[in-house]
Amino acid sequence: MAFSCSQSLLEFEERSFVANAIKHFASERYDLLAHVVMDGHVYVLVMPVERFSPQEIVHSWKSYTANRLQREFGRIGVIWQREYFDWIIRGDRELVEKANYILDNPFRSWPELKEYKWVG
């Protein structure tokens, strides 16, 4: 799944907050396979558990983080774009491709990086 900021880019502390929110319900609502929180967008590869739909999972991330970013970081207005993108993974090869794409995203964007805190 992927979703993007609708306004200014996420600062370092905000990225940490969003990454922690994504990890919070891992193993309870979904299996978290890969994620990255960039300055302007988020990629997450999850396998939902039976009783949670992808729509519910993304809604909870976006709603919770938007409210907290507004309260704790002084953000005003809409935080996330309304739409998000999701894909159905069909097979191990595609799973590996998507995971690698997510995990390599910061290093493609900023080739000089040696490590990136908000990827896993």
PDB file of N, CA and C in Angstrom:
ATOM      1  N   MET A   1       0.838  -1.164   0.000  1.00  0.00           N
ATOM      2  CA  MET A   1       0.000   0.000   0.000  1.00  0.00           C
ATOM      3  C   MET A   1       0.885   1.229   0.000  1.00  0.00           C
ATOM      4  N   ALA A   2       0.388   2.270  -0.571  1.00  0.00           N
ATOM      5  CA  ALA A   2       1.137   3.519  -0.598  1.00  0.00           C
ATOM      6  C   ALA A   2       0.177   4.670  -0.366  1.00  0.00           C
ATOM      7  N   PHE A   3       0.594   5.643   0.433  1.00  0.00           N
ATOM      8  CA  PHE A   3      -0.181   6.864   0.583  1.00  0.00           C
ATOM      9  C   PHE A   3       0.769   8.034   0.717  1.00  0.00           C
ATOM     10  N   SER A   4       0.276   9.209   0.332  1.00  0.00           N
ATOM     11  CA  SER A   4       1.140  10.386   0.221  1.00  0.00           C
ATOM     12  C   SER A   4       0.646  11.537   1.067  1.00  0.00           C
ATOM     13  N   CYS A   5       1.574  12.401   1.429  1.00  0.00           N
ATOM     14  CA  CYS A   5       1.241  13.636   2.131  1.00  0.00           C
ATOM     15  C   CYS A   5       0.513  14.565   1.167  1.00  0.00           C
ATOM     16  N   SER A   6      -0.416  15.332   1.719  1.00  0.00           N
ATOM     17  CA  SER A   6      -1.118  16.272   0.861  1.00  0.00           C
ATOM     18  C   SER A   6      -0.558  17.674   0.988  1.00  0.00           C
ATOM     19  N   GLN A   7       0.308  17.899   1.950  1.00  0.00           N
ATOM     20  CA  GLN A   7       0.905  19.222   2.116  1.00  0.00           C
ATOM     21  C   GLN A   7       2.403  19.089   2.287  1.00  0.00           C
ATOM     22  N   SER A   8       2.990  19.861   3.151  1.00  0.00           N
ATOM     23  CA  SER A   8       4.450  19.875   3.273  1.00  0.00           C
ATOM     24  C   SER A   8       5.011  18.514   3.674  1.00  0.00           C
ATOM     25  N   LEU A   9       6.286  18.346   3.429  1.00  0.00           N
ATOM     26  CA  LEU A   9       6.976  17.090   3.675  1.00  0.00           C
ATOM     27  C   LEU A   9       7.092  16.791   5.166  1.00  0.00           C
ATOM     28  N   LEU A  10       7.202  15.515   5.489  1.00  0.00           N
ATOM     29  CA  LEU A  10       7.346  15.092   6.872  1.00  0.00           C
ATOM     30  C   LEU A  10       8.763  15.380   7.382  1.00  0.00           C
ATOM     31  N   GLU A  11       8.832  15.957   8.554  1.00  0.00           N
ATOM     32  CA  GLU A  11      10.111  16.205   9.219  1.00  0.00           C
ATOM     33  C   GLU A  11      10.590  14.907   9.870  1.00  0.00           C
ATOM     34  N   PHE A  12      11.832  14.908  10.344  1.00  0.00           N
ATOM     35  CA  PHE A  12      12.422  13.697  10.932  1.00  0.00           C
ATOM     36  C   PHE A  12      11.564  13.118  12.055  1.00  0.00           C
ATOM     37  N   GLU A  13      11.198  13.922  13.039  1.00  0.00           N
ATOM     38  CA  GLU A  13      10.406  13.427  14.163  1.00  0.00           C
ATOM     39  C   GLU A  13       9.045  12.917  13.712  1.00  0.00           C
ATOM     40  N   GLU A  14       8.460  13.555  12.714  1.00  0.00           N
ATOM     41  CA  GLU A  14       7.169  13.111  12.196  1.00  0.00           C
ATOM     42  C   GLU A  14       7.298  11.749  11.510  1.00  0.00           C
ATOM     43  N   ARG A  15       8.389  11.535  10.800  1.00  0.00           N
ATOM     44  CA  ARG A  15       8.617  10.236  10.159  1.00  0.00           C
ATOM     45  C   ARG A  15       8.733   9.134  11.210  1.00  0.00           C
ATOM     46  N   SER A  16       9.423   9.418  12.281  1.00  0.00           N
ATOM     47  CA  SER A  16       9.544   8.437  13.368  1.00  0.00           C
ATOM     48  C   SER A  16       8.176   8.111  13.946  1.00  0.00           C
ATOM     49  N   PHE A  17       7.373   9.123  14.150  1.00  0.00           N
ATOM     50  CA  PHE A  17       6.029   8.911  14.688  1.00  0.00           C
ATOM     51  C   PHE A  17       5.204   8.021  13.761  1.00  0.00           C
ATOM     52  N   VAL A  18       5.214   8.319  12.456  1.00  0.00           N
ATOM     53  CA  VAL A  18       4.436   7.543  11.485  1.00  0.00           C
ATOM     54  C   VAL A  18       4.953   6.104  11.418  1.00  0.00           C
ATOM     55  N   ALA A  19       6.262   5.925  11.403  1.00  0.00           N
ATOM     56  CA  ALA A  19       6.831   4.571  11.360  1.00  0.00           C
ATOM     57  C   ALA A  19       6.411   3.771  12.588  1.00  0.00           C
ATOM     58  N   ASN A  20       6.430   4.386  13.754  1.00  0.00           N
ATOM     59  CA  ASN A  20       6.006   3.693  14.976  1.00  0.00           C
ATOM     60  C   ASN A  20       4.526   3.340  14.944  1.00  0.00           C
ATOM     61  N   ALA A  21       3.713   4.214  14.372  1.00  0.00           N
ATOM     62  CA  ALA A  21       2.282   3.922  14.257  1.00  0.00           C
ATOM     63  C   ALA A  21       2.044   2.716  13.346  1.00  0.00           C
ATOM     64  N   ILE A  22       2.799   2.622  12.267  1.00  0.00           N
ATOM     65  CA  ILE A  22       2.667   1.491  11.347  1.00  0.00           C
ATOM     66  C   ILE A  22       3.075   0.191  12.046  1.00  0.00           C
ATOM     67  N   LYS A  23       4.101   0.240  12.853  1.00  0.00           N
ATOM     68  CA  LYS A  23       4.590  -0.962  13.544  1.00  0.00           C
ATOM     69  C   LYS A  23       3.702  -1.378  14.719  1.00  0.00           C
ATOM     70  N   HIS A  24       2.905  -0.450  15.233  1.00  0.00           N
ATOM     71  CA  HIS A  24       2.176  -0.673  16.478  1.00  0.00           C
ATOM     72  C   HIS A  24       1.291  -1.923  16.469  1.00  0.00           C
ATOM     73  N   PHE A  25       0.503  -2.133  15.427  1.00  0.00           N
ATOM     74  CA  PHE A  25      -0.412  -3.271  15.392  1.00  0.00           C
ATOM     75  C   PHE A  25       0.111  -4.434  14.545  1.00  0.00           C
ATOM     76  N   ALA A  26       1.400  -4.404  14.226  1.00  0.00           N
ATOM     77  CA  ALA A  26       1.996  -5.530  13.495  1.00  0.00           C
ATOM     78  C   ALA A  26       1.842  -6.783  14.341  1.00  0.00           C
ATOM     79  N   SER A  27       1.526  -7.873  13.685  1.00  0.00           N
ATOM     80  CA  SER A  27       1.296  -9.183  14.306  1.00  0.00           C
ATOM     81  C   SER A  27      -0.067  -9.287  14.982  1.00  0.00           C
ATOM     82  N   GLU A  28      -0.779  -8.167  15.106  1.00  0.00           N
ATOM     83  CA  GLU A  28      -2.122  -8.214  15.678  1.00  0.00           C
ATOM     84  C   GLU A  28      -3.181  -8.011  14.592  1.00  0.00           C
ATOM     85  N   ARG A  29      -3.015  -6.962  13.778  1.00  0.00           N
ATOM     86  CA  ARG A  29      -3.948  -6.686  12.697  1.00  0.00           C
ATOM     87  C   ARG A  29      -3.408  -7.096  11.330  1.00  0.00           C
ATOM     88  N   TYR A  30      -2.097  -7.224  11.227  1.00  0.00           N
ATOM     89  CA  TYR A  30      -1.453  -7.547   9.958  1.00  0.00           C
ATOM     90  C   TYR A  30      -0.040  -8.048  10.222  1.00  0.00           C
ATOM     91  N   ASP A  31       0.468  -8.789   9.267  1.00  0.00           N
ATOM     92  CA  ASP A  31       1.889  -9.129   9.277  1.00  0.00           C
ATOM     93  C   ASP A  31       2.602  -8.041   8.490  1.00  0.00           C
ATOM     94  N   LEU A  32       3.515  -7.355   9.123  1.00  0.00           N
ATOM     95  CA  LEU A  32       4.264  -6.269   8.497  1.00  0.00           C
ATOM     96  C   LEU A  32       5.493  -6.865   7.821  1.00  0.00           C
ATOM     97  N   LEU A  33       5.499  -6.839   6.491  1.00  0.00           N
ATOM     98  CA  LEU A  33       6.578  -7.455   5.726  1.00  0.00           C
ATOM     99  C   LEU A  33       7.662  -6.463   5.332  1.00  0.00           C
ATOM    100  N   ALA A  34       7.291  -5.225   5.070  1.00  0.00           N
ATOM    101  CA  ALA A  34       8.252  -4.170   4.725  1.00  0.00           C
ATOM    102  C   ALA A  34       7.543  -2.826   4.828  1.00  0.00           C
ATOM    103  N   HIS A  35       8.301  -1.794   5.134  1.00  0.00           N
ATOM    104  CA  HIS A  35       7.730  -0.443   5.167  1.00  0.00           C
ATOM    105  C   HIS A  35       8.840   0.584   5.004  1.00  0.00           C
ATOM    106  N   VAL A  36       8.438   1.746   4.541  1.00  0.00           N
ATOM    107  CA  VAL A  36       9.335   2.896   4.511  1.00  0.00           C
ATOM    108  C   VAL A  36       8.486   4.155   4.639  1.00  0.00           C
ATOM    109  N   VAL A  37       8.947   5.063   5.473  1.00  0.00           N
ATOM    110  CA  VAL A  37       8.311   6.370   5.614  1.00  0.00           C
ATOM    111  C   VAL A  37       9.286   7.375   5.025  1.00  0.00           C
ATOM    112  N   MET A  38       8.922   7.904   3.887  1.00  0.00           N
ATOM    113  CA  MET A  38       9.751   8.891   3.209  1.00  0.00           C
ATOM    114  C   MET A  38       9.285  10.285   3.635  1.00  0.00           C
ATOM    115  N   ASP A  39       9.866  11.312   3.051  1.00  0.00           N
ATOM    116  CA  ASP A  39       9.471  12.666   3.414  1.00  0.00           C
ATOM    117  C   ASP A  39       8.092  13.039   2.867  1.00  0.00           C
ATOM    118  N   GLY A  40       7.666  12.427   1.763  1.00  0.00           N
ATOM    119  CA  GLY A  40       6.388  12.803   1.172  1.00  0.00           C
ATOM    120  C   GLY A  40       5.423  11.657   0.932  1.00  0.00           C
ATOM    121  N   HIS A  41       5.827  10.439   1.248  1.00  0.00           N
ATOM    122  CA  HIS A  41       4.947   9.295   1.034  1.00  0.00           C
ATOM    123  C   HIS A  41       5.374   8.117   1.901  1.00  0.00           C
ATOM    124  N   VAL A  42       4.488   7.143   1.973  1.00  0.00           N
ATOM    125  CA  VAL A  42       4.708   5.948   2.789  1.00  0.00           C
ATOM    126  C   VAL A  42       4.409   4.728   1.933  1.00  0.00           C
ATOM    127  N   TYR A  43       5.275   3.720   2.000  1.00  0.00           N
ATOM    128  CA  TYR A  43       5.013   2.415   1.385  1.00  0.00           C
ATOM    129  C   TYR A  43       4.972   1.383   2.496  1.00  0.00           C
ATOM    130  N   VAL A  44       3.982   0.507   2.438  1.00  0.00           N
ATOM    131  CA  VAL A  44       3.853  -0.540   3.440  1.00  0.00           C
ATOM    132  C   VAL A  44       3.434  -1.823   2.744  1.00  0.00           C
ATOM    133  N   LEU A  45       4.098  -2.911   3.072  1.00  0.00           N
ATOM    134  CA  LEU A  45       3.759  -4.232   2.555  1.00  0.00           C
ATOM    135  C   LEU A  45       3.274  -5.051   3.743  1.00  0.00           C
ATOM    136  N   VAL A  46       1.981  -5.351   3.752  1.00  0.00           N
ATOM    137  CA  VAL A  46       1.379  -6.094   4.863  1.00  0.00           C
ATOM    138  C   VAL A  46       0.518  -7.223   4.335  1.00  0.00           C
ATOM    139  N   MET A  47       0.294  -8.189   5.209  1.00  0.00           N
ATOM    140  CA  MET A  47      -0.684  -9.228   4.968  1.00  0.00           C
ATOM    141  C   MET A  47      -1.694  -9.121   6.113  1.00  0.00           C
ATOM    142  N   PRO A  48      -2.904  -8.608   5.820  1.00  0.00           N
ATOM    143  CA  PRO A  48      -3.903  -8.436   6.886  1.00  0.00           C
ATOM    144  C   PRO A  48      -4.303  -9.783   7.494  1.00  0.00           C
ATOM    145  N   VAL A  49      -4.604  -9.763   8.793  1.00  0.00           N
ATOM    146  CA  VAL A  49      -5.196 -10.945   9.396  1.00  0.00           C
ATOM    147  C   VAL A  49      -6.669 -10.965   9.012  1.00  0.00           C
ATOM    148  N   GLU A  50      -7.311 -12.088   9.167  1.00  0.00           N
ATOM    149  CA  GLU A  50      -8.650 -12.313   8.616  1.00  0.00           C
ATOM    150  C   GLU A  50      -9.670 -11.223   8.907  1.00  0.00           C
ATOM    151  N   ARG A  51      -9.747 -10.738  10.099  1.00  0.00           N
ATOM    152  CA  ARG A  51     -10.846  -9.829  10.440  1.00  0.00           C
ATOM    153  C   ARG A  51     -10.586  -8.356  10.104  1.00  0.00           C
ATOM    154  N   PHE A  52      -9.437  -8.045   9.534  1.00  0.00           N
ATOM    155  CA  PHE A  52      -9.115  -6.660   9.183  1.00  0.00           C
ATOM    156  C   PHE A  52      -8.893  -6.540   7.682  1.00  0.00           C
ATOM    157  N   SER A  53      -9.580  -5.576   7.069  1.00  0.00           N
ATOM    158  CA  SER A  53      -9.414  -5.341   5.631  1.00  0.00           C
ATOM    159  C   SER A  53      -8.294  -4.327   5.410  1.00  0.00           C
ATOM    160  N   PRO A  54      -7.720  -4.332   4.216  1.00  0.00           N
ATOM    161  CA  PRO A  54      -6.710  -3.298   3.908  1.00  0.00           C
ATOM    162  C   PRO A  54      -7.254  -1.884   4.094  1.00  0.00           C
ATOM    163  N   GLN A  55      -8.510  -1.669   3.729  1.00  0.00           N
ATOM    164  CA  GLN A  55      -9.112  -0.341   3.877  1.00  0.00           C
ATOM    165  C   GLN A  55      -9.160   0.078   5.350  1.00  0.00           C
ATOM    166  N   GLU A  56      -9.514  -0.842   6.227  1.00  0.00           N
ATOM    167  CA  GLU A  56      -9.559  -0.531   7.661  1.00  0.00           C
ATOM    168  C   GLU A  56      -8.168  -0.224   8.209  1.00  0.00           C
ATOM    169  N   ILE A  57      -7.196  -0.967   7.761  1.00  0.00           N
ATOM    170  CA  ILE A  57      -5.829  -0.773   8.233  1.00  0.00           C
ATOM    171  C   ILE A  57      -5.303   0.589   7.805  1.00  0.00           C
ATOM    172  N   VAL A  58      -5.455   0.916   6.536  1.00  0.00           N
ATOM    173  CA  VAL A  58      -4.963   2.212   6.035  1.00  0.00           C
ATOM    174  C   VAL A  58      -5.727   3.355   6.699  1.00  0.00           C
ATOM    175  N   HIS A  59      -7.036   3.199   6.833  1.00  0.00           N
ATOM    176  CA  HIS A  59      -7.828   4.244   7.491  1.00  0.00           C
ATOM    177  C   HIS A  59      -7.331   4.491   8.917  1.00  0.00           C
ATOM    178  N   SER A  60      -7.050   3.421   9.649  1.00  0.00           N
ATOM    179  CA  SER A  60      -6.594   3.609  11.031  1.00  0.00           C
ATOM    180  C   SER A  60      -5.240   4.312  11.067  1.00  0.00           C
ATOM    181  N   TRP A  61      -4.308   3.938  10.178  1.00  0.00           N
ATOM    182  CA  TRP A  61      -3.013   4.619  10.128  1.00  0.00           C
ATOM    183  C   TRP A  61      -3.186   6.100   9.828  1.00  0.00           C
ATOM    184  N   LYS A  62      -3.933   6.390   8.767  1.00  0.00           N
ATOM    185  CA  LYS A  62      -4.056   7.779   8.316  1.00  0.00           C
ATOM    186  C   LYS A  62      -4.811   8.631   9.331  1.00  0.00           C
ATOM    187  N   SER A  63      -5.884   8.102   9.897  1.00  0.00           N
ATOM    188  CA  SER A  63      -6.676   8.861  10.863  1.00  0.00           C
ATOM    189  C   SER A  63      -5.876   9.145  12.131  1.00  0.00           C
ATOM    190  N   TYR A  64      -5.279   8.106  12.689  1.00  0.00           N
ATOM    191  CA  TYR A  64      -4.515   8.259  13.921  1.00  0.00           C
ATOM    192  C   TYR A  64      -3.333   9.212  13.731  1.00  0.00           C
ATOM    193  N   THR A  65      -2.553   8.978  12.684  1.00  0.00           N
ATOM    194  CA  THR A  65      -1.363   9.815  12.494  1.00  0.00           C
ATOM    195  C   THR A  65      -1.739  11.259  12.151  1.00  0.00           C
ATOM    196  N   ALA A  66      -2.787  11.457  11.378  1.00  0.00           N
ATOM    197  CA  ALA A  66      -3.196  12.828  11.039  1.00  0.00           C
ATOM    198  C   ALA A  66      -3.593  13.596  12.294  1.00  0.00           C
ATOM    199  N   ASN A  67      -4.402  12.976  13.143  1.00  0.00           N
ATOM    200  CA  ASN A  67      -4.824  13.655  14.374  1.00  0.00           C
ATOM    201  C   ASN A  67      -3.642  13.975  15.274  1.00  0.00           C
ATOM    202  N   ARG A  68      -2.738  13.045  15.437  1.00  0.00           N
ATOM    203  CA  ARG A  68      -1.587  13.270  16.309  1.00  0.00           C
ATOM    204  C   ARG A  68      -0.599  14.259  15.700  1.00  0.00           C
ATOM    205  N   LEU A  69      -0.404  14.204  14.375  1.00  0.00           N
ATOM    206  CA  LEU A  69       0.490  15.172  13.730  1.00  0.00           C
ATOM    207  C   LEU A  69      -0.049  16.585  13.891  1.00  0.00           C
ATOM    208  N   GLN A  70      -1.368  16.724  13.850  1.00  0.00           N
ATOM    209  CA  GLN A  70      -1.962  18.046  14.049  1.00  0.00           C
ATOM    210  C   GLN A  70      -1.783  18.521  15.492  1.00  0.00           C
ATOM    211  N   ARG A  71      -2.070  17.639  16.438  1.00  0.00           N
ATOM    212  CA  ARG A  71      -1.986  18.024  17.854  1.00  0.00           C
ATOM    213  C   ARG A  71      -0.552  18.201  18.344  1.00  0.00           C
ATOM    214  N   GLU A  72       0.312  17.253  18.024  1.00  0.00           N
ATOM    215  CA  GLU A  72       1.640  17.246  18.622  1.00  0.00           C
ATOM    216  C   GLU A  72       2.718  17.950  17.802  1.00  0.00           C
ATOM    217  N   PHE A  73       2.475  18.085  16.503  1.00  0.00           N
ATOM    218  CA  PHE A  73       3.502  18.687  15.647  1.00  0.00           C
ATOM    219  C   PHE A  73       3.031  19.988  14.993  1.00  0.00           C
ATOM    220  N   GLY A  74       1.818  20.434  15.360  1.00  0.00           N
ATOM    221  CA  GLY A  74       1.311  21.708  14.875  1.00  0.00           C
ATOM    222  C   GLY A  74       0.888  21.733  13.425  1.00  0.00           C
ATOM    223  N   ARG A  75       0.658  20.575  12.856  1.00  0.00           N
ATOM    224  CA  ARG A  75       0.177  20.524  11.468  1.00  0.00           C
ATOM    225  C   ARG A  75      -1.233  21.087  11.404  1.00  0.00           C
ATOM    226  N   ILE A  76      -1.535  21.765  10.312  1.00  0.00           N
ATOM    227  CA  ILE A  76      -2.865  22.342  10.108  1.00  0.00           C
ATOM    228  C   ILE A  76      -3.438  21.793   8.813  1.00  0.00           C
ATOM    229  N   GLY A  77      -4.713  21.453   8.851  1.00  0.00           N
ATOM    230  CA  GLY A  77      -5.397  20.995   7.642  1.00  0.00           C
ATOM    231  C   GLY A  77      -5.188  19.513   7.369  1.00  0.00           C
ATOM    232  N   VAL A  78      -5.462  19.146   6.138  1.00  0.00           N
ATOM    233  CA  VAL A  78      -5.392  17.762   5.705  1.00  0.00           C
ATOM    234  C   VAL A  78      -3.929  17.320   5.660  1.00  0.00           C
ATOM    235  N   ILE A  79      -3.660  16.153   6.219  1.00  0.00           N
ATOM    236  CA  ILE A  79      -2.284  15.634   6.250  1.00  0.00           C
ATOM    237  C   ILE A  79      -2.031  14.720   5.059  1.00  0.00           C
ATOM    238  N   TRP A  80      -2.916  13.736   4.865  1.00  0.00           N
ATOM    239  CA  TRP A  80      -2.733  12.712   3.838  1.00  0.00           C
ATOM    240  C   TRP A  80      -3.674  12.948   2.674  1.00  0.00           C
ATOM    241  N   GLN A  81      -3.225  12.596   1.491  1.00  0.00           N
ATOM    242  CA  GLN A  81      -4.122  12.621   0.342  1.00  0.00           C
ATOM    243  C   GLN A  81      -5.234  11.614   0.581  1.00  0.00           C
ATOM    244  N   ARG A  82      -6.383  11.884   0.034  1.00  0.00           N
ATOM    245  CA  ARG A  82      -7.556  11.041   0.268  1.00  0.00           C
ATOM    246  C   ARG A  82      -7.344   9.621  -0.231  1.00  0.00           C
ATOM    247  N   GLU A  83      -6.842   9.483  -1.414  1.00  0.00           N
ATOM    248  CA  GLU A  83      -6.679   8.157  -2.017  1.00  0.00           C
ATOM    249  C   GLU A  83      -5.385   7.500  -1.557  1.00  0.00           C
ATOM    250  N   TYR A  84      -5.341   6.208  -1.710  1.00  0.00           N
ATOM    251  CA  TYR A  84      -4.115   5.450  -1.510  1.00  0.00           C
ATOM    252  C   TYR A  84      -4.095   4.370  -2.573  1.00  0.00           C
ATOM    253  N   PHE A  85      -2.951   3.764  -2.764  1.00  0.00           N
ATOM    254  CA  PHE A  85      -2.797   2.722  -3.772  1.00  0.00           C
ATOM    255  C   PHE A  85      -2.560   1.398  -3.073  1.00  0.00           C
ATOM    256  N   ASP A  86      -3.220   0.373  -3.556  1.00  0.00           N
ATOM    257  CA  ASP A  86      -2.947  -0.955  -3.027  1.00  0.00           C
ATOM    258  C   ASP A  86      -2.772  -1.929  -4.178  1.00  0.00           C
ATOM    259  N   TRP A  87      -2.031  -2.974  -3.911  1.00  0.00           N
ATOM    260  CA  TRP A  87      -1.735  -3.992  -4.910  1.00  0.00           C
ATOM    261  C   TRP A  87      -2.013  -5.351  -4.305  1.00  0.00           C
ATOM    262  N   ILE A  88      -2.408  -6.267  -5.131  1.00  0.00           N
ATOM    263  CA  ILE A  88      -2.507  -7.659  -4.724  1.00  0.00           C
ATOM    264  C   ILE A  88      -1.248  -8.342  -5.234  1.00  0.00           C
ATOM    265  N   ILE A  89      -0.534  -8.969  -4.321  1.00  0.00           N
ATOM    266  CA  ILE A  89       0.707  -9.654  -4.668  1.00  0.00           C
ATOM    267  C   ILE A  89       0.356 -11.068  -5.098  1.00  0.00           C
ATOM    268  N   ARG A  90       0.849 -11.461  -6.256  1.00  0.00           N
ATOM    269  CA  ARG A  90       0.555 -12.778  -6.802  1.00  0.00           C
ATOM    270  C   ARG A  90       1.841 -13.588  -6.942  1.00  0.00           C
ATOM    271  N   GLY A  91       2.255 -14.180  -5.850  1.00  0.00           N
ATOM    272  CA  GLY A  91       3.405 -15.059  -5.916  1.00  0.00           C
ATOM    273  C   GLY A  91       4.623 -14.525  -5.205  1.00  0.00           C
ATOM    274  N   ASP A  92       5.526 -15.453  -4.928  1.00  0.00           N
ATOM    275  CA  ASP A  92       6.743 -15.129  -4.184  1.00  0.00           C
ATOM    276  C   ASP A  92       7.643 -14.157  -4.926  1.00  0.00           C
ATOM    277  N   ARG A  93       7.757 -14.302  -6.229  1.00  0.00           N
ATOM    278  CA  ARG A  93       8.622 -13.406  -7.007  1.00  0.00           C
ATOM    279  C   ARG A  93       8.154 -11.958  -6.907  1.00  0.00           C
ATOM    280  N   GLU A  94       6.854 -11.748  -7.056  1.00  0.00           N
ATOM    281  CA  GLU A  94       6.313 -10.394  -6.952  1.00  0.00           C
ATOM    282  C   GLU A  94       6.450  -9.857  -5.528  1.00  0.00           C
ATOM    283  N   LEU A  95       6.302 -10.711  -4.536  1.00  0.00           N
ATOM    284  CA  LEU A  95       6.478 -10.312  -3.142  1.00  0.00           C
ATOM    285  C   LEU A  95       7.897  -9.808  -2.905  1.00  0.00           C
ATOM    286  N   VAL A  96       8.873 -10.528  -3.387  1.00  0.00           N
ATOM    287  CA  VAL A  96      10.271 -10.130  -3.237  1.00  0.00           C
ATOM    288  C   VAL A  96      10.534  -8.818  -3.985  1.00  0.00           C
ATOM    289  N   GLU A  97       9.985  -8.674  -5.186  1.00  0.00           N
ATOM    290  CA  GLU A  97      10.169  -7.436  -5.959  1.00  0.00           C
ATOM    291  C   GLU A  97       9.610  -6.232  -5.215  1.00  0.00           C
ATOM    292  N   LYS A  98       8.387  -6.351  -4.692  1.00  0.00           N
ATOM    293  CA  LYS A  98       7.759  -5.230  -3.974  1.00  0.00           C
ATOM    294  C   LYS A  98       8.522  -4.913  -2.688  1.00  0.00           C
ATOM    295  N   ALA A  99       8.921  -5.952  -1.959  1.00  0.00           N
ATOM    296  CA  ALA A  99       9.676  -5.721  -0.723  1.00  0.00           C
ATOM    297  C   ALA A  99      10.989  -5.005  -1.028  1.00  0.00           C
ATOM    298  N   ASN A 100      11.705  -5.456  -2.034  1.00  0.00           N
ATOM    299  CA  ASN A 100      12.965  -4.803  -2.402  1.00  0.00           C
ATOM    300  C   ASN A 100      12.740  -3.368  -2.846  1.00  0.00           C
ATOM    301  N   TYR A 101      11.682  -3.121  -3.597  1.00  0.00           N
ATOM    302  CA  TYR A 101      11.364  -1.761  -4.031  1.00  0.00           C
ATOM    303  C   TYR A 101      11.160  -0.850  -2.814  1.00  0.00           C
ATOM    304  N   ILE A 102      10.403  -1.339  -1.845  1.00  0.00           N
ATOM    305  CA  ILE A 102      10.127  -0.560  -0.637  1.00  0.00           C
ATOM    306  C   ILE A 102      11.418  -0.318   0.143  1.00  0.00           C
ATOM    307  N   LEU A 103      12.165  -1.370   0.385  1.00  0.00           N
ATOM    308  CA  LEU A 103      13.370  -1.265   1.206  1.00  0.00           C
ATOM    309  C   LEU A 103      14.460  -0.425   0.550  1.00  0.00           C
ATOM    310  N   ASP A 104      14.491  -0.392  -0.775  1.00  0.00           N
ATOM    311  CA  ASP A 104      15.510   0.378  -1.499  1.00  0.00           C
ATOM    312  C   ASP A 104      15.081   1.808  -1.805  1.00  0.00           C
ATOM    313  N   ASN A 105      13.831   2.153  -1.535  1.00  0.00           N
ATOM    314  CA  ASN A 105      13.284   3.451  -1.919  1.00  0.00           C
ATOM    315  C   ASN A 105      14.122   4.638  -1.458  1.00  0.00           C
ATOM    316  N   PRO A 106      14.520   4.713  -0.199  1.00  0.00           N
ATOM    317  CA  PRO A 106      15.310   5.886   0.213  1.00  0.00           C
ATOM    318  C   PRO A 106      16.668   5.966  -0.477  1.00  0.00           C
ATOM    319  N   PHE A 107      17.240   4.816  -0.797  1.00  0.00           N
ATOM    320  CA  PHE A 107      18.575   4.802  -1.390  1.00  0.00           C
ATOM    321  C   PHE A 107      18.529   5.128  -2.890  1.00  0.00           C
ATOM    322  N   ARG A 108      17.392   4.906  -3.515  1.00  0.00           N
ATOM    323  CA  ARG A 108      17.210   5.371  -4.895  1.00  0.00           C
ATOM    324  C   ARG A 108      16.986   6.878  -4.910  1.00  0.00           C
ATOM    325  N   SER A 109      16.251   7.369  -3.910  1.00  0.00           N
ATOM    326  CA  SER A 109      15.965   8.809  -3.846  1.00  0.00           C
ATOM    327  C   SER A 109      17.188   9.626  -3.444  1.00  0.00           C
ATOM    328  N   TRP A 110      17.975   9.081  -2.526  1.00  0.00           N
ATOM    329  CA  TRP A 110      19.145   9.775  -2.007  1.00  0.00           C
ATOM    330  C   TRP A 110      20.332   8.819  -2.054  1.00  0.00           C
ATOM    331  N   PRO A 111      20.969   8.660  -3.207  1.00  0.00           N
ATOM    332  CA  PRO A 111      22.047   7.669  -3.374  1.00  0.00           C
ATOM    333  C   PRO A 111      23.212   7.814  -2.393  1.00  0.00           C
ATOM    334  N   GLU A 112      23.388   8.988  -1.830  1.00  0.00           N
ATOM    335  CA  GLU A 112      24.505   9.192  -0.903  1.00  0.00           C
ATOM    336  C   GLU A 112      24.257   8.574   0.477  1.00  0.00           C
ATOM    337  N   LEU A 113      23.024   8.162   0.767  1.00  0.00           N
ATOM    338  CA  LEU A 113      22.704   7.576   2.073  1.00  0.00           C
ATOM    339  C   LEU A 113      23.398   6.237   2.275  1.00  0.00           C
ATOM    340  N   LYS A 114      23.836   6.009   3.491  1.00  0.00           N
ATOM    341  CA  LYS A 114      24.398   4.708   3.880  1.00  0.00           C
ATOM    342  C   LYS A 114      23.387   3.917   4.698  1.00  0.00           C
ATOM    343  N   GLU A 115      22.532   4.619   5.441  1.00  0.00           N
ATOM    344  CA  GLU A 115      21.462   3.988   6.203  1.00  0.00           C
ATOM    345  C   GLU A 115      20.281   4.947   6.279  1.00  0.00           C
ATOM    346  N   TYR A 116      19.113   4.390   6.592  1.00  0.00           N
ATOM    347  CA  TYR A 116      17.896   5.188   6.667  1.00  0.00           C
ATOM    348  C   TYR A 116      17.074   4.673   7.832  1.00  0.00           C
ATOM    349  N   LYS A 117      16.729   5.544   8.722  1.00  0.00           N
ATOM    350  CA  LYS A 117      16.097   5.189   9.992  1.00  0.00           C
ATOM    351  C   LYS A 117      14.671   4.662   9.860  1.00  0.00           C
ATOM    352  N   TRP A 118      13.948   5.072   8.840  1.00  0.00           N
ATOM    353  CA  TRP A 118      12.509   4.799   8.760  1.00  0.00           C
ATOM    354  C   TRP A 118      12.170   3.731   7.746  1.00  0.00           C
ATOM    355  N   VAL A 119      12.961   2.705   7.659  1.00  0.00           N
ATOM    356  CA  VAL A 119      12.738   1.611   6.721  1.00  0.00           C
ATOM    357  C   VAL A 119      12.900   0.291   7.476  1.00  0.00           C
ATOM    358  N   GLY A 120      12.109  -0.672   7.100  1.00  0.00           N
ATOM    359  CA  GLY A 120      12.229  -1.978   7.760  1.00  0.00           C
ATOM    360  C   GLY A 120      11.381  -3.030   7.103  1.00  0.00           C
TER     361      GLY A 120
END
